[in-house]
PDB file of N, CA and C in Angstrom:
ATOM      1  N   MET A   1      23.847 -28.872   3.642  1.00  0.00           N
ATOM      2  CA  MET A   1      22.385 -28.554   3.388  1.00  0.00           C
ATOM      3  C   MET A   1      22.043 -28.978   1.922  1.00  0.00           C
ATOM      4  N   THR A   2      20.487 -29.569   2.074  1.00  0.00           N
ATOM      5  CA  THR A   2      20.031 -30.084   0.969  1.00  0.00           C
ATOM      6  C   THR A   2      19.896 -29.392  -0.197  1.00  0.00           C
ATOM      7  N   ILE A   3      19.161 -29.708  -1.519  1.00  0.00           N
ATOM      8  CA  ILE A   3      18.603 -29.004  -1.919  1.00  0.00           C
ATOM      9  C   ILE A   3      17.340 -27.616  -1.790  1.00  0.00           C
ATOM     10  N   LEU A   4      16.310 -29.069  -0.972  1.00  0.00           N
ATOM     11  CA  LEU A   4      15.761 -28.233  -0.778  1.00  0.00           C
ATOM     12  C   LEU A   4      15.516 -27.705   0.750  1.00  0.00           C
ATOM     13  N   ASP A   5      16.205 -27.751   0.972  1.00  0.00           N
ATOM     14  CA  ASP A   5      16.693 -26.277   1.992  1.00  0.00           C
ATOM     15  C   ASP A   5      17.328 -25.371   1.079  1.00  0.00           C
ATOM     16  N   GLN A   6      18.198 -25.438   0.542  1.00  0.00           N
ATOM     17  CA  GLN A   6      18.950 -24.436  -0.466  1.00  0.00           C
ATOM     18  C   GLN A   6      17.589 -23.711  -1.036  1.00  0.00           C
ATOM     19  N   ASP A   7      16.520 -24.741  -1.527  1.00  0.00           N
ATOM     20  CA  ASP A   7      15.527 -23.896  -2.332  1.00  0.00           C
ATOM     21  C   ASP A   7      15.056 -23.216  -1.330  1.00  0.00           C
ATOM     22  N   VAL A   8      14.645 -23.490   0.050  1.00  0.00           N
ATOM     23  CA  VAL A   8      13.684 -22.996   0.196  1.00  0.00           C
ATOM     24  C   VAL A   8      14.069 -21.619   1.388  1.00  0.00           C
ATOM     25  N   HIS A   9      15.430 -21.836   1.148  1.00  0.00           N
ATOM     26  CA  HIS A   9      16.609 -20.553   1.221  1.00  0.00           C
ATOM     27  C   HIS A   9      16.591 -19.402   0.321  1.00  0.00           C
ATOM     28  N   TYR A  10      16.227 -19.747  -0.891  1.00  0.00           N
ATOM     29  CA  TYR A  10      16.352 -19.190  -1.536  1.00  0.00           C
ATOM     30  C   TYR A  10      15.054 -18.575  -2.245  1.00  0.00           C
ATOM     31  N   GLN A  11      13.626 -19.429  -1.325  1.00  0.00           N
ATOM     32  CA  GLN A  11      12.301 -18.177  -1.980  1.00  0.00           C
ATOM     33  C   GLN A  11      12.472 -17.808  -1.222  1.00  0.00           C
ATOM     34  N   TYR A  12      12.847 -18.129   0.107  1.00  0.00           N
ATOM     35  CA  TYR A  12      12.861 -16.777   1.574  1.00  0.00           C
ATOM     36  C   TYR A  12      13.523 -15.324   0.987  1.00  0.00           C
ATOM     37  N   SER A  13      14.145 -15.884   0.839  1.00  0.00           N
ATOM     38  CA  SER A  13      15.429 -14.431  -0.011  1.00  0.00           C
ATOM     39  C   SER A  13      14.951 -13.763  -0.982  1.00  0.00           C
ATOM     40  N   ASP A  14      14.352 -14.055  -2.434  1.00  0.00           N
ATOM     41  CA  ASP A  14      13.796 -13.803  -3.856  1.00  0.00           C
ATOM     42  C   ASP A  14      12.601 -13.111  -2.522  1.00  0.00           C
ATOM     43  N   GLY A  15      11.502 -13.930  -1.817  1.00  0.00           N
ATOM     44  CA  GLY A  15      10.522 -13.109  -1.554  1.00  0.00           C
ATOM     45  C   GLY A  15      10.751 -12.223  -0.896  1.00  0.00           C
ATOM     46  N   ARG A  16      11.811 -11.847   0.034  1.00  0.00           N
ATOM     47  CA  ARG A  16      12.073 -10.551   1.302  1.00  0.00           C
ATOM     48  C   ARG A  16      12.060  -9.695  -0.285  1.00  0.00           C
ATOM     49  N   ASP A  17      12.912  -9.796  -1.232  1.00  0.00           N
ATOM     50  CA  ASP A  17      13.873  -8.916  -2.418  1.00  0.00           C
ATOM     51  C   ASP A  17      11.875  -8.657  -2.529  1.00  0.00           C
ATOM     52  N   LEU A  18      11.320  -8.983  -3.096  1.00  0.00           N
ATOM     53  CA  LEU A  18      10.293  -8.865  -4.344  1.00  0.00           C
ATOM     54  C   LEU A  18       9.446  -7.653  -2.628  1.00  0.00           C
ATOM     55  N   LEU A  19       9.032  -8.347  -1.994  1.00  0.00           N
ATOM     56  CA  LEU A  19       8.246  -7.301  -0.668  1.00  0.00           C
ATOM     57  C   LEU A  19       8.682  -5.779  -0.490  1.00  0.00           C
ATOM     58  N   SER A  20      10.316  -5.810  -0.292  1.00  0.00           N
ATOM     59  CA  SER A  20      11.277  -4.388  -0.848  1.00  0.00           C
ATOM     60  C   SER A  20      10.876  -3.617  -1.975  1.00  0.00           C
ATOM     61  N   ALA A  21      10.430  -4.491  -2.842  1.00  0.00           N
ATOM     62  CA  ALA A  21      10.520  -3.741  -4.201  1.00  0.00           C
ATOM     63  C   ALA A  21       8.542  -3.639  -4.319  1.00  0.00           C
ATOM     64  N   THR A  22       7.479  -3.849  -3.548  1.00  0.00           N
ATOM     65  CA  THR A  22       6.761  -3.612  -4.032  1.00  0.00           C
ATOM     66  C   THR A  22       6.321  -2.937  -3.209  1.00  0.00           C
ATOM     67  N   LEU A  23       7.167  -2.729  -1.760  1.00  0.00           N
ATOM     68  CA  LEU A  23       7.033  -1.864  -0.737  1.00  0.00           C
ATOM     69  C   LEU A  23       7.431  -0.510  -1.352  1.00  0.00           C
ATOM     70  N   MET A  24       8.453  -0.350  -1.966  1.00  0.00           N
ATOM     71  CA  MET A  24       9.000   1.007  -2.644  1.00  0.00           C
ATOM     72  C   MET A  24       8.187   0.637  -3.640  1.00  0.00           C
ATOM     73  N   GLU A  25       7.585   0.249  -4.144  1.00  0.00           N
ATOM     74  CA  GLU A  25       6.415   0.628  -5.393  1.00  0.00           C
ATOM     75  C   GLU A  25       5.242   1.117  -5.057  1.00  0.00           C
ATOM     76  N   ARG A  26       4.574   1.222  -3.143  1.00  0.00           N
ATOM     77  CA  ARG A  26       3.719   1.432  -3.318  1.00  0.00           C
ATOM     78  C   ARG A  26       3.950   2.767  -2.294  1.00  0.00           C
ATOM     79  N   GLU A  27       5.391   2.821  -2.067  1.00  0.00           N
ATOM     80  CA  GLU A  27       5.826   4.621  -1.467  1.00  0.00           C
ATOM     81  C   GLU A  27       5.653   5.511  -2.507  1.00  0.00           C
ATOM     82  N   LEU A  28       6.357   4.807  -3.856  1.00  0.00           N
ATOM     83  CA  LEU A  28       6.160   5.791  -4.850  1.00  0.00           C
ATOM     84  C   LEU A  28       4.459   6.344  -4.988  1.00  0.00           C
ATOM     85  N   LEU A  29       3.324   4.939  -5.479  1.00  0.00           N
ATOM     86  CA  LEU A  29       2.120   5.390  -5.454  1.00  0.00           C
ATOM     87  C   LEU A  29       1.523   6.509  -4.511  1.00  0.00           C
ATOM     88  N   LEU A  30       2.069   5.991  -3.389  1.00  0.00           N
ATOM     89  CA  LEU A  30       1.447   6.278  -1.823  1.00  0.00           C
ATOM     90  C   LEU A  30       1.384   8.872  -2.132  1.00  0.00           C
ATOM     91  N   ARG A  31       3.513   8.793  -3.051  1.00  0.00           N
ATOM     92  CA  ARG A  31       3.758   9.788  -3.351  1.00  0.00           C
ATOM     93  C   ARG A  31       2.984  10.699  -4.300  1.00  0.00           C
ATOM     94  N   GLU A  32       2.602   9.834  -5.294  1.00  0.00           N
ATOM     95  CA  GLU A  32       1.841  10.503  -6.771  1.00  0.00           C
ATOM     96  C   GLU A  32       0.605  10.697  -5.443  1.00  0.00           C
ATOM     97  N   LEU A  33       0.076   9.810  -5.083  1.00  0.00           N
ATOM     98  CA  LEU A  33      -1.465  10.440  -5.003  1.00  0.00           C
ATOM     99  C   LEU A  33      -1.537  11.473  -3.765  1.00  0.00           C
ATOM    100  N   GLU A  34      -0.137  11.827  -2.920  1.00  0.00           N
ATOM    101  CA  GLU A  34      -0.425  12.717  -2.233  1.00  0.00           C
ATOM    102  C   GLU A  34       0.211  13.774  -3.394  1.00  0.00           C
ATOM    103  N   GLU A  35       0.940  14.393  -3.491  1.00  0.00           N
ATOM    104  CA  GLU A  35       1.191  14.968  -4.779  1.00  0.00           C
ATOM    105  C   GLU A  35      -0.158  16.088  -5.478  1.00  0.00           C
ATOM    106  N   LEU A  36      -1.096  14.430  -6.498  1.00  0.00           N
ATOM    107  CA  LEU A  36      -2.323  14.890  -7.262  1.00  0.00           C
ATOM    108  C   LEU A  36      -3.411  15.741  -5.855  1.00  0.00           C
ATOM    109  N   ALA A  37      -3.272  15.433  -4.742  1.00  0.00           N
ATOM    110  CA  ALA A  37      -4.216  15.970  -3.974  1.00  0.00           C
ATOM    111  C   ALA A  37      -3.790  17.189  -3.386  1.00  0.00           C
ATOM    112  N   LYS A  38      -2.305  17.739  -3.198  1.00  0.00           N
ATOM    113  CA  LYS A  38      -1.703  18.785  -2.836  1.00  0.00           C
ATOM    114  C   LYS A  38      -1.691  20.062  -4.092  1.00  0.00           C
ATOM    115  N   ALA A  39      -2.403  19.057  -5.548  1.00  0.00           N
ATOM    116  CA  ALA A  39      -1.851  20.251  -7.031  1.00  0.00           C
ATOM    117  C   ALA A  39      -2.644  22.009  -6.459  1.00  0.00           C
ATOM    118  N   PRO A  40      -1.807  22.797  -7.339  1.00  0.00           N
ATOM    119  CA  PRO A  40      -2.747  23.424  -7.078  1.00  0.00           C
ATOM    120  C   PRO A  40      -3.716  24.497  -7.386  1.00  0.00           C
ATOM    121  N   GLN A  41      -4.280  24.655  -6.531  1.00  0.00           N
ATOM    122  CA  GLN A  41      -6.125  25.008  -6.115  1.00  0.00           C
ATOM    123  C   GLN A  41      -6.240  26.047  -6.938  1.00  0.00           C
ATOM    124  N   GLY A  42      -5.349  26.958  -7.710  1.00  0.00           N
ATOM    125  CA  GLY A  42      -4.922  27.983  -8.560  1.00  0.00           C
ATOM    126  C   GLY A  42      -5.216  29.109  -6.857  1.00  0.00           C
ATOM    127  N   SER A  43      -5.655  30.569  -7.712  1.00  0.00           N
ATOM    128  CA  SER A  43      -5.707  31.919  -6.423  1.00  0.00           C
ATOM    129  C   SER A  43      -7.535  32.210  -6.015  1.00  0.00           C
ATOM    130  N   GLY A  44      -7.650  31.709  -6.285  1.00  0.00           N
ATOM    131  CA  GLY A  44      -9.565  31.996  -6.194  1.00  0.00           C
ATOM    132  C   GLY A  44     -10.196  32.581  -7.401  1.00  0.00           C
ATOM    133  N   ASN A  45      -9.518  32.400  -8.443  1.00  0.00           N
ATOM    134  CA  ASN A  45     -10.064  33.121  -9.992  1.00  0.00           C
ATOM    135  C   ASN A  45     -10.343  31.636 -10.216  1.00  0.00           C
ATOM    136  N   THR A  46     -11.858  31.672 -10.630  1.00  0.00           N
ATOM    137  CA  THR A  46     -12.471  30.035 -11.113  1.00  0.00           C
ATOM    138  C   THR A  46     -12.286  29.904 -12.495  1.00  0.00           C
ATOM    139  N   GLU A  47     -11.301  30.625 -13.601  1.00  0.00           N
ATOM    140  CA  GLU A  47     -11.049  30.603 -14.462  1.00  0.00           C
ATOM    141  C   GLU A  47      -9.772  29.533 -14.289  1.00  0.00           C
ATOM    142  N   SER A  48      -8.928  29.403 -13.134  1.00  0.00           N
ATOM    143  CA  SER A  48      -7.660  28.752 -12.776  1.00  0.00           C
ATOM    144  C   SER A  48      -7.285  27.977 -11.688  1.00  0.00           C
ATOM    145  N   ILE A  49      -8.714  27.250 -11.187  1.00  0.00           N
ATOM    146  CA  ILE A  49      -8.845  26.456 -10.078  1.00  0.00           C
ATOM    147  C   ILE A  49      -8.588  25.277 -11.246  1.00  0.00           C
ATOM    148  N   ALA A  50      -7.599  24.315 -10.614  1.00  0.00           N
ATOM    149  CA  ALA A  50      -7.113  23.022 -10.962  1.00  0.00           C
ATOM    150  C   ALA A  50      -7.879  22.110 -10.338  1.00  0.00           C
ATOM    151  N   ARG A  51      -8.300  21.787 -11.168  1.00  0.00           N
ATOM    152  CA  ARG A  51      -9.085  20.377 -11.015  1.00  0.00           C
ATOM    153  C   ARG A  51      -7.848  18.665 -10.198  1.00  0.00           C
ATOM    154  N   PHE A  52      -9.086  18.230  -9.457  1.00  0.00           N
ATOM    155  CA  PHE A  52      -8.274  16.921  -8.869  1.00  0.00           C
ATOM    156  C   PHE A  52      -8.523  15.916  -9.980  1.00  0.00           C
ATOM    157  N   ASP A  53      -8.001  15.242 -10.508  1.00  0.00           N
ATOM    158  CA  ASP A  53      -7.905  13.995 -11.641  1.00  0.00           C
ATOM    159  C   ASP A  53      -8.627  13.043 -11.159  1.00  0.00           C
ATOM    160  N   LEU A  54      -9.503  13.045 -10.972  1.00  0.00           N
ATOM    161  CA  LEU A  54     -10.282  11.684 -10.730  1.00  0.00           C
ATOM    162  C   LEU A  54     -10.247  10.541 -10.941  1.00  0.00           C
ATOM    163  N   PHE A  55      -9.870  10.741 -12.082  1.00  0.00           N
ATOM    164  CA  PHE A  55      -9.748   9.170 -13.133  1.00  0.00           C
ATOM    165  C   PHE A  55      -8.747   8.663 -12.380  1.00  0.00           C
ATOM    166  N   ARG A  56      -7.151   9.492 -12.514  1.00  0.00           N
ATOM    167  CA  ARG A  56      -5.826   9.080 -11.863  1.00  0.00           C
ATOM    168  C   ARG A  56      -5.762   8.672 -10.145  1.00  0.00           C
ATOM    169  N   GLY A  57      -6.420   9.533  -9.909  1.00  0.00           N
ATOM    170  CA  GLY A  57      -7.093   9.496  -8.012  1.00  0.00           C
ATOM    171  C   GLY A  57      -7.714   7.905  -8.115  1.00  0.00           C
ATOM    172  N   GLN A  58      -9.030   7.883  -8.430  1.00  0.00           N
ATOM    173  CA  GLN A  58      -9.629   6.313  -8.598  1.00  0.00           C
ATOM    174  C   GLN A  58      -8.570   5.665  -8.712  1.00  0.00           C
ATOM    175  N   ALA A  59      -7.563   6.160  -9.979  1.00  0.00           N
ATOM    176  CA  ALA A  59      -6.483   4.579 -10.818  1.00  0.00           C
ATOM    177  C   ALA A  59      -5.166   3.806  -9.426  1.00  0.00           C
ATOM    178  N   LEU A  60      -5.032   5.528  -9.119  1.00  0.00           N
ATOM    179  CA  LEU A  60      -3.538   5.358  -7.580  1.00  0.00           C
ATOM    180  C   LEU A  60      -4.679   4.392  -6.980  1.00  0.00           C
ATOM    181  N   LEU A  61      -5.825   4.508  -6.209  1.00  0.00           N
ATOM    182  CA  LEU A  61      -6.342   4.209  -5.465  1.00  0.00           C
ATOM    183  C   LEU A  61      -6.337   2.134  -5.841  1.00  0.00           C
ATOM    184  N   PHE A  62      -7.022   1.757  -6.790  1.00  0.00           N
ATOM    185  CA  PHE A  62      -6.765   0.589  -7.178  1.00  0.00           C
ATOM    186  C   PHE A  62      -5.584  -0.033  -7.470  1.00  0.00           C
ATOM    187  N   GLU A  63      -4.641   0.749  -7.508  1.00  0.00           N
ATOM    188  CA  GLU A  63      -3.274   0.258  -7.874  1.00  0.00           C
ATOM    189  C   GLU A  63      -2.638   0.183  -6.418  1.00  0.00           C
ATOM    190  N   LEU A  64      -2.727   1.001  -5.394  1.00  0.00           N
ATOM    191  CA  LEU A  64      -2.587   0.632  -3.815  1.00  0.00           C
ATOM    192  C   LEU A  64      -3.008  -0.840  -3.334  1.00  0.00           C
ATOM    193  N   SER A  65      -4.786  -1.123  -3.321  1.00  0.00           N
ATOM    194  CA  SER A  65      -5.342  -2.047  -3.063  1.00  0.00           C
ATOM    195  C   SER A  65      -5.200  -3.425  -3.093  1.00  0.00           C
ATOM    196  N   VAL A  66      -4.639  -3.372  -4.923  1.00  0.00           N
ATOM    197  CA  VAL A  66      -3.642  -4.513  -4.929  1.00  0.00           C
ATOM    198  C   VAL A  66      -2.501  -4.679  -5.192  1.00  0.00           C
ATOM    199  N   ILE A  67      -2.049  -3.691  -4.651  1.00  0.00           N
ATOM    200  CA  ILE A  67      -0.299  -3.845  -3.395  1.00  0.00           C
ATOM    201  C   ILE A  67      -0.133  -4.778  -2.446  1.00  0.00           C
ATOM    202  N   ALA A  68      -1.355  -3.747  -1.658  1.00  0.00           N
ATOM    203  CA  ALA A  68      -1.763  -4.364  -0.251  1.00  0.00           C
ATOM    204  C   ALA A  68      -2.266  -5.806   0.101  1.00  0.00           C
ATOM    205  N   ASP A  69      -3.128  -6.537  -0.999  1.00  0.00           N
ATOM    206  CA  ASP A  69      -3.181  -7.539  -1.747  1.00  0.00           C
ATOM    207  C   ASP A  69      -1.496  -8.257  -1.387  1.00  0.00           C
ATOM    208  N   ASN A  70      -0.972  -7.892  -2.708  1.00  0.00           N
ATOM    209  CA  ASN A  70       0.361  -8.533  -2.572  1.00  0.00           C
ATOM    210  C   ASN A  70       1.100  -8.511  -1.629  1.00  0.00           C
ATOM    211  N   ILE A  71       0.848  -7.498  -1.370  1.00  0.00           N
ATOM    212  CA  ILE A  71       2.171  -7.767  -0.079  1.00  0.00           C
ATOM    213  C   ILE A  71       1.549  -8.286   1.437  1.00  0.00           C
ATOM    214  N   ASP A  72       0.436  -8.643   1.831  1.00  0.00           N
ATOM    215  CA  ASP A  72      -0.552  -9.520   2.864  1.00  0.00           C
ATOM    216  C   ASP A  72       0.146 -10.743   2.052  1.00  0.00           C
ATOM    217  N   SER A  73      -0.034 -10.981   0.455  1.00  0.00           N
ATOM    218  CA  SER A  73       0.365 -12.257   0.065  1.00  0.00           C
ATOM    219  C   SER A  73       1.699 -13.005   0.264  1.00  0.00           C
ATOM    220  N   LEU A  74       3.040 -11.171  -0.029  1.00  0.00           N
ATOM    221  CA  LEU A  74       4.106 -12.271   0.287  1.00  0.00           C
ATOM    222  C   LEU A  74       4.558 -12.191   1.531  1.00  0.00           C
ATOM    223  N   ILE A  75       4.476 -11.716   2.253  1.00  0.00           N
ATOM    224  CA  ILE A  75       3.957 -11.283   3.744  1.00  0.00           C
ATOM    225  C   ILE A  75       4.461 -13.197   4.413  1.00  0.00           C
ATOM    226  N   ILE A  76       2.710 -13.089   3.942  1.00  0.00           N
ATOM    227  CA  ILE A  76       2.152 -14.739   4.069  1.00  0.00           C
ATOM    228  C   ILE A  76       3.309 -15.800   3.549  1.00  0.00           C
ATOM    229  N   GLN A  77       3.361 -15.291   2.586  1.00  0.00           N
ATOM    230  CA  GLN A  77       4.923 -16.324   2.509  1.00  0.00           C
ATOM    231  C   GLN A  77       6.184 -16.511   2.334  1.00  0.00           C
ATOM    232  N   ILE A  78       6.362 -15.796   2.969  1.00  0.00           N
ATOM    233  CA  ILE A  78       7.625 -15.422   3.281  1.00  0.00           C
ATOM    234  C   ILE A  78       7.802 -15.810   4.928  1.00  0.00           C
ATOM    235  N   ASN A  79       6.757 -15.797   5.999  1.00  0.00           N
ATOM    236  CA  ASN A  79       7.008 -16.297   6.490  1.00  0.00           C
ATOM    237  C   ASN A  79       6.468 -17.838   7.409  1.00  0.00           C
ATOM    238  N   GLY A  80       6.278 -18.288   5.419  1.00  0.00           N
ATOM    239  CA  GLY A  80       6.010 -19.816   5.029  1.00  0.00           C
ATOM    240  C   GLY A  80       7.037 -20.359   5.464  1.00  0.00           C
ATOM    241  N   TYR A  81       7.690 -19.222   4.496  1.00  0.00           N
ATOM    242  CA  TYR A  81      10.205 -19.864   4.072  1.00  0.00           C
ATOM    243  C   TYR A  81      10.578 -19.846   5.220  1.00  0.00           C
ATOM    244  N   ALA A  82      10.263 -19.396   6.382  1.00  0.00           N
ATOM    245  CA  ALA A  82      10.657 -18.750   7.525  1.00  0.00           C
ATOM    246  C   ALA A  82      10.481 -20.017   8.627  1.00  0.00           C
ATOM    247  N   GLU A  83       9.681 -20.150   8.855  1.00  0.00           N
ATOM    248  CA  GLU A  83       9.611 -21.248   9.725  1.00  0.00           C
ATOM    249  C   GLU A  83      10.935 -21.780   9.603  1.00  0.00           C
ATOM    250  N   LYS A  84      10.779 -22.654   8.015  1.00  0.00           N
ATOM    251  CA  LYS A  84      11.121 -24.269   7.010  1.00  0.00           C
ATOM    252  C   LYS A  84      12.368 -24.439   7.245  1.00  0.00           C
ATOM    253  N   CYS A  85      12.922 -22.110   7.435  1.00  0.00           N
ATOM    254  CA  CYS A  85      14.743 -22.502   7.645  1.00  0.00           C
ATOM    255  C   CYS A  85      14.607 -21.721   8.449  1.00  0.00           C
ATOM    256  N   GLY A  86      13.949 -21.439   9.506  1.00  0.00           N
ATOM    257  CA  GLY A  86      14.962 -20.864  11.168  1.00  0.00           C
ATOM    258  C   GLY A  86      15.007 -19.553  10.722  1.00  0.00           C
ATOM    259  N   LYS A  87      14.714 -18.582   9.684  1.00  0.00           N
ATOM    260  CA  LYS A  87      14.861 -17.334   8.909  1.00  0.00           C
ATOM    261  C   LYS A  87      13.908 -16.882   9.799  1.00  0.00           C
ATOM    262  N   PRO A  88      13.985 -15.370  10.080  1.00  0.00           N
ATOM    263  CA  PRO A  88      13.607 -14.115  10.941  1.00  0.00           C
ATOM    264  C   PRO A  88      11.979 -14.039  10.030  1.00  0.00           C
ATOM    265  N   ARG A  89      11.183 -13.610  10.957  1.00  0.00           N
ATOM    266  CA  ARG A  89       9.356 -14.266  10.282  1.00  0.00           C
ATOM    267  C   ARG A  89       9.680 -12.639   9.747  1.00  0.00           C
ATOM    268  N   VAL A  90       8.894 -12.254   9.417  1.00  0.00           N
ATOM    269  CA  VAL A  90       8.612 -10.731   8.819  1.00  0.00           C
ATOM    270  C   VAL A  90       7.610 -10.268   9.955  1.00  0.00           C
ATOM    271  N   LYS A  91       7.779  -8.899  11.052  1.00  0.00           N
ATOM    272  CA  LYS A  91       7.394  -8.943  11.531  1.00  0.00           C
ATOM    273  C   LYS A  91       5.985  -7.352  10.808  1.00  0.00           C
ATOM    274  N   ILE A  92       5.225  -7.145  10.989  1.00  0.00           N
ATOM    275  CA  ILE A  92       3.917  -6.508  10.506  1.00  0.00           C
ATOM    276  C   ILE A  92       3.895  -5.543  12.308  1.00  0.00           C
ATOM    277  N   THR A  93       4.222  -4.234  11.959  1.00  0.00           N
ATOM    278  CA  THR A  93       4.076  -2.945  13.158  1.00  0.00           C
ATOM    279  C   THR A  93       2.898  -1.512  12.790  1.00  0.00           C
ATOM    280  N   LYS A  94       1.986  -1.435  13.219  1.00  0.00           N
ATOM    281  CA  LYS A  94       1.065  -0.759  13.060  1.00  0.00           C
ATOM    282  C   LYS A  94       1.175   0.471  12.978  1.00  0.00           C
ATOM    283  N   THR A  95       1.624   1.255  12.105  1.00  0.00           N
ATOM    284  CA  THR A  95       2.115   2.887  12.263  1.00  0.00           C
ATOM    285  C   THR A  95       0.612   3.911  13.005  1.00  0.00           C
ATOM    286  N   LYS A  96       1.079   5.386  13.373  1.00  0.00           N
ATOM    287  CA  LYS A  96      -0.314   6.049  13.764  1.00  0.00           C
ATOM    288  C   LYS A  96      -0.402   6.919  12.758  1.00  0.00           C
ATOM    289  N   PRO A  97      -0.959   7.717  11.897  1.00  0.00           N
ATOM    290  CA  PRO A  97      -1.674   8.572  11.263  1.00  0.00           C
ATOM    291  C   PRO A  97      -1.005  10.051  11.915  1.00  0.00           C
ATOM    292  N   GLN A  98      -0.149  10.254  10.602  1.00  0.00           N
ATOM    293  CA  GLN A  98       0.289  11.266  10.786  1.00  0.00           C
ATOM    294  C   GLN A  98      -1.027  12.848  11.049  1.00  0.00           C
TER     295      GLN A  98
END
């Protein structure tokens, strides 16, 4: 195995590790957004109704869009390395909304 081959294997492995970490970060942001949306809305008394934190919600959505772009780029890069070193490609599966 040449140094160039080893480099491609390392890049492939590092890319998969980074993709895994990025997906975990995305999952945490999605949970935070879900918790924000499910925040207690009070008992009907107008004084106790908690308002949706619009600014935090917008920030979370922006962070999620940036992470989605990063995930797309990582998959393209990883699959490029996979072709060069004969490793499995990252498969993309569509999930149905719950």
